[in-house]
Amino acid sequence: MAAAEAERWRGLAVYGVDGTTLRVPDTPENEAAFGRVATRWNSTGGYPPLRLVALMVLRRPGLTGLALGAFRDSELALAATLWPQLPDASLVIVDREFATCARFHQLPDPAPQRHWLSRAKMGRTALRRHAGKRLEPGDRLVELRPSHHTRRTHRDLPPTLQVRAIRYQRRGCRPQTLLTSLLGAVHVPGLVDAGAGGPELGGRSRNARQRRAALV
C-alpha cells in the first residue's frame, strides 16, 4: 500500500489486476490440489498448473494481494476475493477478461472514490453500449445494458450502468475503446495513457514499466 500511496495519479492510487498460471512440482499433493491439463490424447498433462490472480501496484513494483486456485478455477472467481482490498481513492486497471457488467457494478464506489478502467471487449463478447452525452471527440458517456442471462444470474444488477467510453487509436494499431467509471474531470490523453496497455502478468515486465512511465 505504501508504494501506491507514494505514486498517486490525479490523486488516485493506481492498481492493476491480472491472472496467469504457474507450473508446480509434480507431486500427488499438488495434483490433488490443482489438477492437470487434459490433452488431446485423453492423457494427463505434465506438471500440475495452479491459477493465480494478483492485485498489483502499477506505478512502482509491488504485490498487494494474491488469490490462488486450481487450474479449473476461473480468474473472475479468484479476483472476487481481491476487490475488497482496494483502498479508498484508487483506480484499478483490469484486463478485458474482467470487463463484465457484474464486475463494473461491483467495483466503483463514488463516496470513497474507488474507480476502474478497462479496455472494452470486441466482437461477439462485446458489452452492449448505448450512446449518451458527448464529452469530447471520441469521448462520451454510454449506458451498458446487461443481457437477460446476466441479470438472471446477478439479480442485484440495475437495468443500465452509466460508464465513460473513450475511443482511441495508436499508430499502426486498430482503434480501441476504454471503459471507465471516471465520468468526468480527467482528460482523454491521461486516461488513454493509463489504460491502453492493461495490467499483465507472465513475464511482461517491460510493458508494465512502460505503463508506469505513461501515467504522468
C-alpha atoms as a PDB file:
ATOM      1  CA  MET A   1       0.000   0.000   0.000  1.00  0.00           C
ATOM      2  CA  ALA A   2       2.849   2.420   0.781  1.00  0.00           C
ATOM      3  CA  ALA A   3       4.161   2.168  -2.784  1.00  0.00           C
ATOM      4  CA  ALA A   4       0.758   3.113  -4.211  1.00  0.00           C
ATOM      5  CA  GLU A   5       0.389   5.994  -1.758  1.00  0.00           C
ATOM      6  CA  ALA A   6       3.767   7.404  -2.802  1.00  0.00           C
ATOM      7  CA  GLU A   7       2.954   7.333  -6.529  1.00  0.00           C
ATOM      8  CA  ARG A   8      -0.591   8.639  -6.893  1.00  0.00           C
ATOM      9  CA  TRP A   9      -2.019   9.602 -10.281  1.00  0.00           C
ATOM     10  CA  ARG A  10      -4.507  12.501 -10.286  1.00  0.00           C
ATOM     11  CA  GLY A  11      -4.884  11.883  -6.560  1.00  0.00           C
ATOM     12  CA  LEU A  12      -5.650   8.168  -7.028  1.00  0.00           C
ATOM     13  CA  ALA A  13      -3.529   5.191  -6.013  1.00  0.00           C
ATOM     14  CA  VAL A  14      -3.134   3.049  -9.152  1.00  0.00           C
ATOM     15  CA  TYR A  15      -3.519  -0.739  -9.069  1.00  0.00           C
ATOM     16  CA  GLY A  16      -3.822  -3.492 -11.632  1.00  0.00           C
ATOM     17  CA  VAL A  17      -5.415  -6.930 -11.548  1.00  0.00           C
ATOM     18  CA  ASP A  18      -4.410  -9.766 -13.864  1.00  0.00           C
ATOM     19  CA  GLY A  19      -4.134 -13.536 -13.837  1.00  0.00           C
ATOM     20  CA  THR A  20      -1.773 -16.214 -15.066  1.00  0.00           C
ATOM     21  CA  THR A  21      -0.859 -19.866 -14.472  1.00  0.00           C
ATOM     22  CA  LEU A  22       2.268 -21.423 -12.980  1.00  0.00           C
ATOM     23  CA  ARG A  23       3.572 -24.992 -13.073  1.00  0.00           C
ATOM     24  CA  VAL A  24       4.223 -26.526  -9.660  1.00  0.00           C
ATOM     25  CA  PRO A  25       6.242 -29.602  -8.655  1.00  0.00           C
ATOM     26  CA  ASP A  26       4.819 -32.911  -9.856  1.00  0.00           C
ATOM     27  CA  THR A  27       3.636 -34.399  -6.578  1.00  0.00           C
ATOM     28  CA  PRO A  28       0.424 -36.263  -5.655  1.00  0.00           C
ATOM     29  CA  GLU A  29      -0.486 -33.450  -3.265  1.00  0.00           C
ATOM     30  CA  ASN A  30      -0.189 -30.769  -5.959  1.00  0.00           C
ATOM     31  CA  GLU A  31      -2.095 -32.893  -8.450  1.00  0.00           C
ATOM     32  CA  ALA A  32      -4.932 -33.303  -5.955  1.00  0.00           C
ATOM     33  CA  ALA A  33      -4.976 -29.585  -5.148  1.00  0.00           C
ATOM     34  CA  PHE A  34      -4.541 -28.058  -8.604  1.00  0.00           C
ATOM     35  CA  GLY A  35      -5.345 -30.788 -11.136  1.00  0.00           C
ATOM     36  CA  ARG A  36      -3.743 -31.266 -14.535  1.00  0.00           C
ATOM     37  CA  VAL A  37      -4.408 -30.065 -18.063  1.00  0.00           C
ATOM     38  CA  ALA A  38      -6.140 -32.658 -20.218  1.00  0.00           C
ATOM     39  CA  THR A  39      -4.522 -33.413 -23.581  1.00  0.00           C
ATOM     40  CA  ARG A  40      -5.982 -34.338 -26.935  1.00  0.00           C
ATOM     41  CA  TRP A  41      -4.913 -37.942 -26.347  1.00  0.00           C
ATOM     42  CA  ASN A  42      -7.041 -38.244 -23.175  1.00  0.00           C
ATOM     43  CA  SER A  43      -3.953 -38.400 -21.001  1.00  0.00           C
ATOM     44  CA  THR A  44      -2.845 -36.097 -18.219  1.00  0.00           C
ATOM     45  CA  GLY A  45      -0.561 -33.184 -18.923  1.00  0.00           C
ATOM     46  CA  GLY A  46       2.892 -32.556 -17.491  1.00  0.00           C
ATOM     47  CA  TYR A  47       3.302 -30.588 -14.281  1.00  0.00           C
ATOM     48  CA  PRO A  48       0.195 -29.592 -12.315  1.00  0.00           C
ATOM     49  CA  PRO A  49      -0.683 -25.931 -13.034  1.00  0.00           C
ATOM     50  CA  LEU A  50      -2.079 -23.536 -10.479  1.00  0.00           C
ATOM     51  CA  ARG A  51      -4.060 -20.457 -11.430  1.00  0.00           C
ATOM     52  CA  LEU A  52      -3.385 -17.149  -9.706  1.00  0.00           C
ATOM     53  CA  VAL A  53      -4.764 -13.624  -9.821  1.00  0.00           C
ATOM     54  CA  ALA A  54      -2.711 -10.753  -8.437  1.00  0.00           C
ATOM     55  CA  LEU A  55      -3.523  -7.262  -7.222  1.00  0.00           C
ATOM     56  CA  MET A  56      -0.515  -5.117  -8.108  1.00  0.00           C
ATOM     57  CA  VAL A  57       0.728  -1.579  -7.607  1.00  0.00           C
ATOM     58  CA  LEU A  58       1.391  -0.310 -11.135  1.00  0.00           C
ATOM     59  CA  ARG A  59       3.392   2.891 -10.698  1.00  0.00           C
ATOM     60  CA  ARG A  60       6.010   1.223  -8.512  1.00  0.00           C
ATOM     61  CA  PRO A  61       6.624  -2.551  -8.381  1.00  0.00           C
ATOM     62  CA  GLY A  62       4.602  -4.089  -5.609  1.00  0.00           C
ATOM     63  CA  LEU A  63       2.265  -7.012  -4.960  1.00  0.00           C
ATOM     64  CA  THR A  64      -0.679  -6.162  -2.721  1.00  0.00           C
ATOM     65  CA  GLY A  65      -2.844  -9.274  -2.875  1.00  0.00           C
ATOM     66  CA  LEU A  66      -2.772 -12.774  -4.341  1.00  0.00           C
ATOM     67  CA  ALA A  67      -5.517 -15.342  -4.924  1.00  0.00           C
ATOM     68  CA  LEU A  68      -4.518 -18.936  -5.729  1.00  0.00           C
ATOM     69  CA  GLY A  69      -6.661 -21.739  -7.075  1.00  0.00           C
ATOM     70  CA  ALA A  70      -6.799 -24.865  -9.175  1.00  0.00           C
ATOM     71  CA  PHE A  71      -6.364 -24.706 -12.929  1.00  0.00           C
ATOM     72  CA  ARG A  72     -10.115 -25.310 -13.348  1.00  0.00           C
ATOM     73  CA  ASP A  73     -10.963 -22.193 -11.279  1.00  0.00           C
ATOM     74  CA  SER A  74     -11.855 -19.043 -13.199  1.00  0.00           C
ATOM     75  CA  GLU A  75      -9.877 -15.834 -12.856  1.00  0.00           C
ATOM     76  CA  LEU A  76     -13.133 -13.965 -12.267  1.00  0.00           C
ATOM     77  CA  ALA A  77     -13.948 -16.097  -9.238  1.00  0.00           C
ATOM     78  CA  LEU A  78     -10.440 -15.764  -7.802  1.00  0.00           C
ATOM     79  CA  ALA A  79     -10.398 -11.994  -8.367  1.00  0.00           C
ATOM     80  CA  ALA A  80     -13.604 -11.597  -6.345  1.00  0.00           C
ATOM     81  CA  THR A  81     -11.548 -12.104  -3.176  1.00  0.00           C
ATOM     82  CA  LEU A  82      -9.210  -9.221  -4.114  1.00  0.00           C
ATOM     83  CA  TRP A  83     -11.674  -6.388  -4.789  1.00  0.00           C
ATOM     84  CA  PRO A  84     -12.315  -5.698  -1.070  1.00  0.00           C
ATOM     85  CA  GLN A  85      -8.587  -4.998  -0.670  1.00  0.00           C
ATOM     86  CA  LEU A  86      -8.759  -1.909  -2.886  1.00  0.00           C
ATOM     87  CA  PRO A  87      -8.348   1.210  -0.732  1.00  0.00           C
ATOM     88  CA  ASP A  88     -10.237   4.477  -0.923  1.00  0.00           C
ATOM     89  CA  ALA A  89      -9.172   6.987  -3.600  1.00  0.00           C
ATOM     90  CA  SER A  90      -7.887   4.340  -6.002  1.00  0.00           C
ATOM     91  CA  LEU A  91      -8.035   3.383  -9.664  1.00  0.00           C
ATOM     92  CA  VAL A  92      -7.777  -0.284 -10.642  1.00  0.00           C
ATOM     93  CA  ILE A  93      -6.880  -1.140 -14.246  1.00  0.00           C
ATOM     94  CA  VAL A  94      -8.243  -4.516 -15.282  1.00  0.00           C
ATOM     95  CA  ASP A  95      -7.808  -6.666 -18.353  1.00  0.00           C
ATOM     96  CA  ARG A  96     -10.696  -7.303 -20.745  1.00  0.00           C
ATOM     97  CA  GLU A  97     -11.217 -10.723 -19.156  1.00  0.00           C
ATOM     98  CA  PHE A  98     -12.710  -8.867 -16.179  1.00  0.00           C
ATOM     99  CA  ALA A  99     -14.826  -6.476 -18.291  1.00  0.00           C
ATOM    100  CA  THR A 100     -18.311  -7.645 -17.340  1.00  0.00           C
ATOM    101  CA  CYS A 101     -21.391  -5.698 -16.274  1.00  0.00           C
ATOM    102  CA  ALA A 102     -21.469  -7.544 -12.954  1.00  0.00           C
ATOM    103  CA  ARG A 103     -17.864  -6.624 -12.217  1.00  0.00           C
ATOM    104  CA  PHE A 104     -18.332  -2.999 -13.290  1.00  0.00           C
ATOM    105  CA  HIS A 105     -21.324  -2.733 -10.978  1.00  0.00           C
ATOM    106  CA  GLN A 106     -19.383  -4.246  -8.077  1.00  0.00           C
ATOM    107  CA  LEU A 107     -16.188  -2.197  -8.322  1.00  0.00           C
ATOM    108  CA  PRO A 108     -16.973   1.538  -8.306  1.00  0.00           C
ATOM    109  CA  ASP A 109     -17.893   3.353  -5.120  1.00  0.00           C
ATOM    110  CA  PRO A 110     -18.264   7.132  -5.632  1.00  0.00           C
ATOM    111  CA  ALA A 111     -18.099   8.107  -1.962  1.00  0.00           C
ATOM    112  CA  PRO A 112     -14.569   6.780  -1.226  1.00  0.00           C
ATOM    113  CA  GLN A 113     -13.516   7.367  -4.863  1.00  0.00           C
ATOM    114  CA  ARG A 114     -12.854   3.785  -5.956  1.00  0.00           C
ATOM    115  CA  HIS A 115     -12.703   3.611  -9.756  1.00  0.00           C
ATOM    116  CA  TRP A 116     -11.909   1.135 -12.537  1.00  0.00           C
ATOM    117  CA  LEU A 117     -10.551   1.343 -16.086  1.00  0.00           C
ATOM    118  CA  SER A 118     -10.520  -1.361 -18.777  1.00  0.00           C
ATOM    119  CA  ARG A 119     -10.263  -1.855 -22.493  1.00  0.00           C
ATOM    120  CA  ALA A 120     -13.626  -2.827 -23.962  1.00  0.00           C
ATOM    121  CA  LYS A 121     -14.195  -6.263 -25.393  1.00  0.00           C
ATOM    122  CA  MET A 122     -14.709  -6.513 -29.134  1.00  0.00           C
ATOM    123  CA  GLY A 123     -16.731  -8.809 -31.377  1.00  0.00           C
ATOM    124  CA  ARG A 124     -19.325 -11.250 -30.069  1.00  0.00           C
ATOM    125  CA  THR A 125     -18.281 -10.810 -26.438  1.00  0.00           C
ATOM    126  CA  ALA A 126     -18.578  -7.001 -26.517  1.00  0.00           C
ATOM    127  CA  LEU A 127     -20.916  -5.427 -23.981  1.00  0.00           C
ATOM    128  CA  ARG A 128     -23.989  -3.698 -25.391  1.00  0.00           C
ATOM    129  CA  ARG A 129     -23.447   0.071 -25.304  1.00  0.00           C
ATOM    130  CA  HIS A 130     -25.962   2.837 -25.963  1.00  0.00           C
ATOM    131  CA  ALA A 131     -24.539   6.287 -26.646  1.00  0.00           C
ATOM    132  CA  GLY A 132     -25.242   9.110 -24.213  1.00  0.00           C
ATOM    133  CA  LYS A 133     -23.836  12.580 -23.642  1.00  0.00           C
ATOM    134  CA  ARG A 134     -20.818  13.546 -25.760  1.00  0.00           C
ATOM    135  CA  LEU A 135     -17.955  14.983 -23.712  1.00  0.00           C
ATOM    136  CA  GLU A 136     -15.186  15.454 -26.299  1.00  0.00           C
ATOM    137  CA  PRO A 137     -14.422  13.997 -29.733  1.00  0.00           C
ATOM    138  CA  GLY A 138     -14.236  10.222 -29.230  1.00  0.00           C
ATOM    139  CA  ASP A 139     -15.251  10.610 -25.593  1.00  0.00           C
ATOM    140  CA  ARG A 140     -18.807  10.161 -24.326  1.00  0.00           C
ATOM    141  CA  LEU A 141     -20.981   8.728 -21.601  1.00  0.00           C
ATOM    142  CA  VAL A 142     -22.676   5.458 -22.508  1.00  0.00           C
ATOM    143  CA  GLU A 143     -25.164   3.068 -20.957  1.00  0.00           C
ATOM    144  CA  LEU A 144     -24.240  -0.584 -20.608  1.00  0.00           C
ATOM    145  CA  ARG A 145     -27.259  -2.867 -20.712  1.00  0.00           C
ATOM    146  CA  PRO A 146     -26.710  -6.306 -19.170  1.00  0.00           C
ATOM    147  CA  SER A 147     -28.139  -9.266 -21.056  1.00  0.00           C
ATOM    148  CA  HIS A 148     -31.179 -11.087 -19.697  1.00  0.00           C
ATOM    149  CA  HIS A 149     -28.960 -14.019 -18.755  1.00  0.00           C
ATOM    150  CA  THR A 150     -26.592 -11.747 -16.827  1.00  0.00           C
ATOM    151  CA  ARG A 151     -29.457 -10.118 -14.914  1.00  0.00           C
ATOM    152  CA  ARG A 152     -30.929 -13.500 -14.022  1.00  0.00           C
ATOM    153  CA  THR A 153     -27.550 -14.595 -12.668  1.00  0.00           C
ATOM    154  CA  HIS A 154     -26.854 -11.294 -10.862  1.00  0.00           C
ATOM    155  CA  ARG A 155     -30.209 -10.103  -9.579  1.00  0.00           C
ATOM    156  CA  ASP A 156     -28.743  -7.007  -7.915  1.00  0.00           C
ATOM    157  CA  LEU A 157     -27.764  -5.542 -11.292  1.00  0.00           C
ATOM    158  CA  PRO A 158     -29.680  -2.430 -12.400  1.00  0.00           C
ATOM    159  CA  PRO A 159     -31.157  -2.323 -15.937  1.00  0.00           C
ATOM    160  CA  THR A 160     -28.375   0.022 -17.082  1.00  0.00           C
ATOM    161  CA  LEU A 161     -24.905   1.087 -15.950  1.00  0.00           C
ATOM    162  CA  GLN A 162     -23.537   4.506 -16.872  1.00  0.00           C
ATOM    163  CA  VAL A 163     -19.848   4.497 -17.787  1.00  0.00           C
ATOM    164  CA  ARG A 164     -17.482   6.564 -19.883  1.00  0.00           C
ATOM    165  CA  ALA A 165     -16.296   5.277 -23.282  1.00  0.00           C
ATOM    166  CA  ILE A 166     -13.152   6.694 -24.893  1.00  0.00           C
ATOM    167  CA  ARG A 167     -12.197   5.699 -28.407  1.00  0.00           C
ATOM    168  CA  TYR A 168      -8.504   5.955 -29.302  1.00  0.00           C
ATOM    169  CA  GLN A 169      -6.021   4.619 -31.821  1.00  0.00           C
ATOM    170  CA  ARG A 170      -2.287   4.052 -31.515  1.00  0.00           C
ATOM    171  CA  ARG A 171      -0.199   4.422 -34.636  1.00  0.00           C
ATOM    172  CA  GLY A 172      -0.211   1.183 -36.610  1.00  0.00           C
ATOM    173  CA  CYS A 173      -2.913  -0.388 -34.411  1.00  0.00           C
ATOM    174  CA  ARG A 174      -6.648  -0.900 -34.666  1.00  0.00           C
ATOM    175  CA  PRO A 175      -8.991   1.553 -32.923  1.00  0.00           C
ATOM    176  CA  GLN A 176      -9.769   0.584 -29.333  1.00  0.00           C
ATOM    177  CA  THR A 177     -12.240   1.720 -26.685  1.00  0.00           C
ATOM    178  CA  LEU A 178     -11.603   2.275 -22.996  1.00  0.00           C
ATOM    179  CA  LEU A 179     -14.418   1.968 -20.468  1.00  0.00           C
ATOM    180  CA  THR A 180     -14.145   3.617 -17.059  1.00  0.00           C
ATOM    181  CA  SER A 181     -16.119   4.718 -14.025  1.00  0.00           C
ATOM    182  CA  LEU A 182     -14.258   8.066 -14.115  1.00  0.00           C
ATOM    183  CA  LEU A 183     -17.129  10.025 -15.624  1.00  0.00           C
ATOM    184  CA  GLY A 184     -15.541  13.455 -15.685  1.00  0.00           C
ATOM    185  CA  ALA A 185     -12.656  15.745 -14.803  1.00  0.00           C
ATOM    186  CA  VAL A 186      -9.839  13.561 -16.217  1.00  0.00           C
ATOM    187  CA  HIS A 187      -8.988  14.400 -19.827  1.00  0.00           C
ATOM    188  CA  VAL A 188      -8.722  11.833 -22.605  1.00  0.00           C
ATOM    189  CA  PRO A 189      -4.900  11.703 -23.076  1.00  0.00           C
ATOM    190  CA  GLY A 190      -4.289  10.881 -19.426  1.00  0.00           C
ATOM    191  CA  LEU A 191      -6.873   8.092 -19.396  1.00  0.00           C
ATOM    192  CA  VAL A 192      -5.620   6.581 -22.648  1.00  0.00           C
ATOM    193  CA  ASP A 193      -2.051   6.511 -21.335  1.00  0.00           C
ATOM    194  CA  ALA A 194      -3.301   4.949 -18.125  1.00  0.00           C
ATOM    195  CA  GLY A 195      -5.343   2.157 -19.651  1.00  0.00           C
ATOM    196  CA  ALA A 196      -4.146   1.383 -23.153  1.00  0.00           C
ATOM    197  CA  GLY A 197      -1.854  -1.441 -22.087  1.00  0.00           C
ATOM    198  CA  GLY A 198      -3.796  -3.038 -19.267  1.00  0.00           C
ATOM    199  CA  PRO A 199      -2.032  -4.922 -16.485  1.00  0.00           C
ATOM    200  CA  GLU A 200      -0.188  -8.082 -17.472  1.00  0.00           C
ATOM    201  CA  LEU A 201       1.493 -10.953 -15.680  1.00  0.00           C
ATOM    202  CA  GLY A 202       3.609 -13.724 -17.070  1.00  0.00           C
ATOM    203  CA  GLY A 203       6.995 -12.143 -17.689  1.00  0.00           C
ATOM    204  CA  ARG A 204       5.863  -8.989 -19.499  1.00  0.00           C
ATOM    205  CA  SER A 205       7.572  -6.588 -17.116  1.00  0.00           C
ATOM    206  CA  ARG A 206       8.770  -4.295 -19.906  1.00  0.00           C
ATOM    207  CA  ASN A 207       5.166  -3.418 -20.759  1.00  0.00           C
ATOM    208  CA  ALA A 208       4.455  -2.778 -17.088  1.00  0.00           C
ATOM    209  CA  ARG A 209       7.396  -0.359 -16.886  1.00  0.00           C
ATOM    210  CA  GLN A 210       6.137   1.455 -19.981  1.00  0.00           C
ATOM    211  CA  ARG A 211       2.667   1.837 -18.433  1.00  0.00           C
ATOM    212  CA  ARG A 212       4.114   3.220 -15.207  1.00  0.00           C
ATOM    213  CA  ALA A 213       6.058   5.771 -17.248  1.00  0.00           C
ATOM    214  CA  ALA A 214       2.898   6.734 -19.186  1.00  0.00           C
ATOM    215  CA  LEU A 215       0.967   7.651 -16.041  1.00  0.00           C
ATOM    216  CA  VAL A 216       2.127  11.245 -15.812  1.00  0.00           C
END
